């Protein structure tokens, strides 16, 4: 029985780490970039500083 409990804690720990990593990656992709953004489109050239 103690072996099963250790495996259960290991699985729960791995899931917590995985959720943390996925959350951090999602945060990084949603975060607006810093610096200068240059867009070229149908309306011409657009330069924005962030």
PDB file of N, CA and C in Angstrom:
ATOM      1  N   UNK A   1       0.803  -1.210   0.000  1.00  0.00           N
ATOM      2  CA  UNK A   1       0.000   0.000   0.000  1.00  0.00           C
ATOM      3  C   UNK A   1       0.846   1.274   0.000  1.00  0.00           C
ATOM      4  N   UNK A   2       1.951   1.352   0.776  1.00  0.00           N
ATOM      5  CA  UNK A   2       2.735   2.595   0.755  1.00  0.00           C
ATOM      6  C   UNK A   2       3.314   2.904  -0.626  1.00  0.00           C
ATOM      7  N   UNK A   3       3.639   1.874  -1.414  1.00  0.00           N
ATOM      8  CA  UNK A   3       4.160   2.099  -2.756  1.00  0.00           C
ATOM      9  C   UNK A   3       3.136   2.761  -3.643  1.00  0.00           C
ATOM     10  N   UNK A   4       1.886   2.351  -3.526  1.00  0.00           N
ATOM     11  CA  UNK A   4       0.816   2.952  -4.321  1.00  0.00           C
ATOM     12  C   UNK A   4       0.621   4.417  -3.955  1.00  0.00           C
ATOM     13  N   UNK A   5       0.768   4.731  -2.688  1.00  0.00           N
ATOM     14  CA  UNK A   5       0.598   6.117  -2.239  1.00  0.00           C
ATOM     15  C   UNK A   5       1.701   6.998  -2.811  1.00  0.00           C
ATOM     16  N   UNK A   6       2.942   6.478  -2.843  1.00  0.00           N
ATOM     17  CA  UNK A   6       4.048   7.262  -3.409  1.00  0.00           C
ATOM     18  C   UNK A   6       3.835   7.511  -4.895  1.00  0.00           C
ATOM     19  N   UNK A   7       3.339   6.514  -5.620  1.00  0.00           N
ATOM     20  CA  UNK A   7       3.076   6.688  -7.043  1.00  0.00           C
ATOM     21  C   UNK A   7       1.975   7.716  -7.248  1.00  0.00           C
ATOM     22  N   UNK A   8       0.966   7.691  -6.408  1.00  0.00           N
ATOM     23  CA  UNK A   8      -0.125   8.665  -6.499  1.00  0.00           C
ATOM     24  C   UNK A   8       0.399  10.085  -6.275  1.00  0.00           C
ATOM     25  N   UNK A   9       1.247  10.271  -5.271  1.00  0.00           N
ATOM     26  CA  UNK A   9       1.826  11.600  -5.020  1.00  0.00           C
ATOM     27  C   UNK A   9       2.710  12.034  -6.181  1.00  0.00           C
ATOM     28  N   UNK A  10       3.422  11.106  -6.783  1.00  0.00           N
ATOM     29  CA  UNK A  10       4.267  11.428  -7.917  1.00  0.00           C
ATOM     30  C   UNK A  10       3.426  11.882  -9.108  1.00  0.00           C
ATOM     31  N   UNK A  11       2.333  11.192  -9.366  1.00  0.00           N
ATOM     32  CA  UNK A  11       1.449  11.566 -10.474  1.00  0.00           C
ATOM     33  C   UNK A  11       0.816  12.928 -10.222  1.00  0.00           C
ATOM     34  N   UNK A  12       0.358  13.177  -9.009  1.00  0.00           N
ATOM     35  CA  UNK A  12      -0.247  14.472  -8.678  1.00  0.00           C
ATOM     36  C   UNK A  12       0.785  15.590  -8.816  1.00  0.00           C
ATOM     37  N   UNK A  13       2.002  15.364  -8.360  1.00  0.00           N
ATOM     38  CA  UNK A  13       3.062  16.363  -8.492  1.00  0.00           C
ATOM     39  C   UNK A  13       3.381  16.656  -9.948  1.00  0.00           C
ATOM     40  N   UNK A  14       3.444  15.611 -10.772  1.00  0.00           N
ATOM     41  CA  UNK A  14       3.726  15.810 -12.192  1.00  0.00           C
ATOM     42  C   UNK A  14       2.607  16.595 -12.862  1.00  0.00           C
ATOM     43  N   UNK A  15       1.363  16.329 -12.491  1.00  0.00           N
ATOM     44  CA  UNK A  15       0.237  17.075 -13.056  1.00  0.00           C
ATOM     45  C   UNK A  15       0.286  18.544 -12.649  1.00  0.00           C
ATOM     46  N   UNK A  16       0.646  18.808 -11.412  1.00  0.00           N
ATOM     47  CA  UNK A  16       0.745  20.202 -10.945  1.00  0.00           C
ATOM     48  C   UNK A  16       1.837  20.940 -11.712  1.00  0.00           C
ATOM     49  N   UNK A  17       2.973  20.288 -11.905  1.00  0.00           N
ATOM     50  CA  UNK A  17       4.065  20.911 -12.664  1.00  0.00           C
ATOM     51  C   UNK A  17       3.638  21.156 -14.109  1.00  0.00           C
ATOM     52  N   UNK A  18       2.951  20.177 -14.715  1.00  0.00           N
ATOM     53  CA  UNK A  18       2.512  20.328 -16.101  1.00  0.00           C
ATOM     54  C   UNK A  18       1.535  21.484 -16.247  1.00  0.00           C
ATOM     55  N   UNK A  19       0.599  21.623 -15.317  1.00  0.00           N
ATOM     56  CA  UNK A  19      -0.363  22.731 -15.367  1.00  0.00           C
ATOM     57  C   UNK A  19       0.365  24.066 -15.207  1.00  0.00           C
ATOM     58  N   UNK A  20       1.355  24.109 -14.330  1.00  0.00           N
ATOM     59  CA  UNK A  20       2.129  25.334 -14.148  1.00  0.00           C
ATOM     60  C   UNK A  20       2.891  25.724 -15.403  1.00  0.00           C
ATOM     61  N   UNK A  21       3.522  24.765 -16.048  1.00  0.00           N
ATOM     62  CA  UNK A  21       4.279  25.050 -17.275  1.00  0.00           C
ATOM     63  C   UNK A  21       3.342  25.496 -18.387  1.00  0.00           C
ATOM     64  N   UNK A  22       2.212  24.816 -18.552  1.00  0.00           N
ATOM     65  CA  UNK A  22       1.265  25.210 -19.595  1.00  0.00           C
ATOM     66  C   UNK A  22       0.685  26.600 -19.325  1.00  0.00           C
ATOM     67  N   UNK A  23       0.397  26.895 -18.068  1.00  0.00           N
ATOM     68  CA  UNK A  23      -0.105  28.227 -17.723  1.00  0.00           C
ATOM     69  C   UNK A  23       0.916  29.319 -18.017  1.00  0.00           C
ATOM     70  N   UNK A  24       2.177  29.046 -17.709  1.00  0.00           N
ATOM     71  CA  UNK A  24       3.226  30.032 -17.980  1.00  0.00           C
ATOM     72  C   UNK A  24       3.389  30.248 -19.481  1.00  0.00           C
ATOM     73  N   UNK A  25       3.355  29.166 -20.259  1.00  0.00           N
ATOM     74  CA  UNK A  25       3.463  29.299 -21.716  1.00  0.00           C
ATOM     75  C   UNK A  25       2.290  30.088 -22.287  1.00  0.00           C
ATOM     76  N   UNK A  26       1.098  29.848 -21.779  1.00  0.00           N
ATOM     77  CA  UNK A  26      -0.068  30.595 -22.234  1.00  0.00           C
ATOM     78  C   UNK A  26       0.067  32.072 -21.883  1.00  0.00           C
ATOM     79  N   UNK A  27       0.567  32.366 -20.690  1.00  0.00           N
ATOM     80  CA  UNK A  27       0.787  33.750 -20.276  1.00  0.00           C
ATOM     81  C   UNK A  27       1.793  34.437 -21.204  1.00  0.00           C
ATOM     82  N   UNK A  28       2.867  33.751 -21.544  1.00  0.00           N
ATOM     83  CA  UNK A  28       3.888  34.341 -22.411  1.00  0.00           C
ATOM     84  C   UNK A  28       3.342  34.620 -23.806  1.00  0.00           C
ATOM     85  N   UNK A  29       2.485  33.751 -24.333  1.00  0.00           N
ATOM     86  CA  UNK A  29       1.956  33.979 -25.677  1.00  0.00           C
ATOM     87  C   UNK A  29       0.913  35.086 -25.689  1.00  0.00           C
ATOM     88  N   UNK A  30       0.187  35.268 -24.599  1.00  0.00           N
ATOM     89  CA  UNK A  30      -0.838  36.307 -24.551  1.00  0.00           C
ATOM     90  C   UNK A  30      -0.262  37.679 -24.201  1.00  0.00           C
ATOM     91  N   UNK A  31       0.927  37.699 -23.590  1.00  0.00           N
ATOM     92  CA  UNK A  31       1.540  38.961 -23.170  1.00  0.00           C
ATOM     93  C   UNK A  31       1.907  39.784 -24.394  1.00  0.00           C
ATOM     94  N   UNK A  32       1.616  41.060 -24.336  1.00  0.00           N
ATOM     95  CA  UNK A  32       1.927  41.949 -25.460  1.00  0.00           C
ATOM     96  C   UNK A  32       3.438  42.146 -25.539  1.00  0.00           C
ATOM     97  N   UNK A  33       3.985  42.152 -26.737  1.00  0.00           N
ATOM     98  CA  UNK A  33       5.424  42.363 -26.881  1.00  0.00           C
ATOM     99  C   UNK A  33       5.816  43.793 -26.511  1.00  0.00           C
ATOM    100  N   UNK A  34       7.026  43.913 -25.980  1.00  0.00           N
ATOM    101  CA  UNK A  34       7.532  45.235 -25.616  1.00  0.00           C
ATOM    102  C   UNK A  34       8.390  45.763 -26.751  1.00  0.00           C
ATOM    103  N   UNK A  35       8.461  47.071 -26.866  1.00  0.00           N
ATOM    104  CA  UNK A  35       9.329  47.670 -27.869  1.00  0.00           C
ATOM    105  C   UNK A  35       8.550  48.336 -28.970  1.00  0.00           C
ATOM    106  N   UNK A  36       9.053  48.225 -30.169  1.00  0.00           N
ATOM    107  CA  UNK A  36       8.515  48.904 -31.334  1.00  0.00           C
ATOM    108  C   UNK A  36       7.846  47.880 -32.248  1.00  0.00           C
ATOM    109  N   UNK A  37       6.642  48.215 -32.713  1.00  0.00           N
ATOM    110  CA  UNK A  37       5.924  47.338 -33.627  1.00  0.00           C
ATOM    111  C   UNK A  37       5.684  48.082 -34.931  1.00  0.00           C
ATOM    112  N   UNK A  38       6.071  47.461 -36.049  1.00  0.00           N
ATOM    113  CA  UNK A  38       5.901  48.049 -37.369  1.00  0.00           C
ATOM    114  C   UNK A  38       4.967  47.155 -38.172  1.00  0.00           C
ATOM    115  N   UNK A  39       3.860  47.726 -38.644  1.00  0.00           N
ATOM    116  CA  UNK A  39       2.887  46.989 -39.446  1.00  0.00           C
ATOM    117  C   UNK A  39       2.789  47.615 -40.824  1.00  0.00           C
ATOM    118  N   UNK A  40       2.829  46.770 -41.847  1.00  0.00           N
ATOM    119  CA  UNK A  40       2.627  47.221 -43.218  1.00  0.00           C
ATOM    120  C   UNK A  40       1.370  46.519 -43.720  1.00  0.00           C
ATOM    121  N   UNK A  41       0.365  47.311 -44.062  1.00  0.00           N
ATOM    122  CA  UNK A  41      -0.890  46.743 -44.512  1.00  0.00           C
ATOM    123  C   UNK A  41      -1.503  47.563 -45.621  1.00  0.00           C
ATOM    124  N   UNK A  42      -2.774  47.307 -45.897  1.00  0.00           N
ATOM    125  CA  UNK A  42      -3.441  48.034 -46.976  1.00  0.00           C
ATOM    126  C   UNK A  42      -3.556  49.534 -46.717  1.00  0.00           C
ATOM    127  N   UNK A  43      -3.528  49.926 -45.455  1.00  0.00           N
ATOM    128  CA  UNK A  43      -3.640  51.343 -45.106  1.00  0.00           C
ATOM    129  C   UNK A  43      -2.283  52.029 -45.030  1.00  0.00           C
ATOM    130  N   UNK A  44      -1.221  51.330 -45.405  1.00  0.00           N
ATOM    131  CA  UNK A  44       0.106  51.933 -45.372  1.00  0.00           C
ATOM    132  C   UNK A  44       0.944  51.428 -44.222  1.00  0.00           C
ATOM    133  N   UNK A  45       1.925  52.217 -43.842  1.00  0.00           N
ATOM    134  CA  UNK A  45       2.865  51.866 -42.797  1.00  0.00           C
ATOM    135  C   UNK A  45       2.374  52.398 -41.458  1.00  0.00           C
ATOM    136  N   UNK A  46       2.420  51.568 -40.432  1.00  0.00           N
ATOM    137  CA  UNK A  46       1.967  51.959 -39.092  1.00  0.00           C
ATOM    138  C   UNK A  46       3.037  51.568 -38.095  1.00  0.00           C
ATOM    139  N   UNK A  47       3.509  52.532 -37.311  1.00  0.00           N
ATOM    140  CA  UNK A  47       4.558  52.301 -36.323  1.00  0.00           C
ATOM    141  C   UNK A  47       3.980  52.631 -34.950  1.00  0.00           C
ATOM    142  N   UNK A  48       4.066  51.664 -34.027  1.00  0.00           N
ATOM    143  CA  UNK A  48       3.567  51.856 -32.663  1.00  0.00           C
ATOM    144  C   UNK A  48       4.685  51.505 -31.679  1.00  0.00           C
ATOM    145  N   UNK A  49       4.804  52.286 -30.620  1.00  0.00           N
ATOM    146  CA  UNK A  49       5.738  51.923 -29.550  1.00  0.00           C
ATOM    147  C   UNK A  49       4.916  51.360 -28.395  1.00  0.00           C
ATOM    148  N   UNK A  50       5.397  50.279 -27.853  1.00  0.00           N
ATOM    149  CA  UNK A  50       4.665  49.579 -26.780  1.00  0.00           C
ATOM    150  C   UNK A  50       5.251  49.903 -25.439  1.00  0.00           C
TER     151      UNK A  50
END
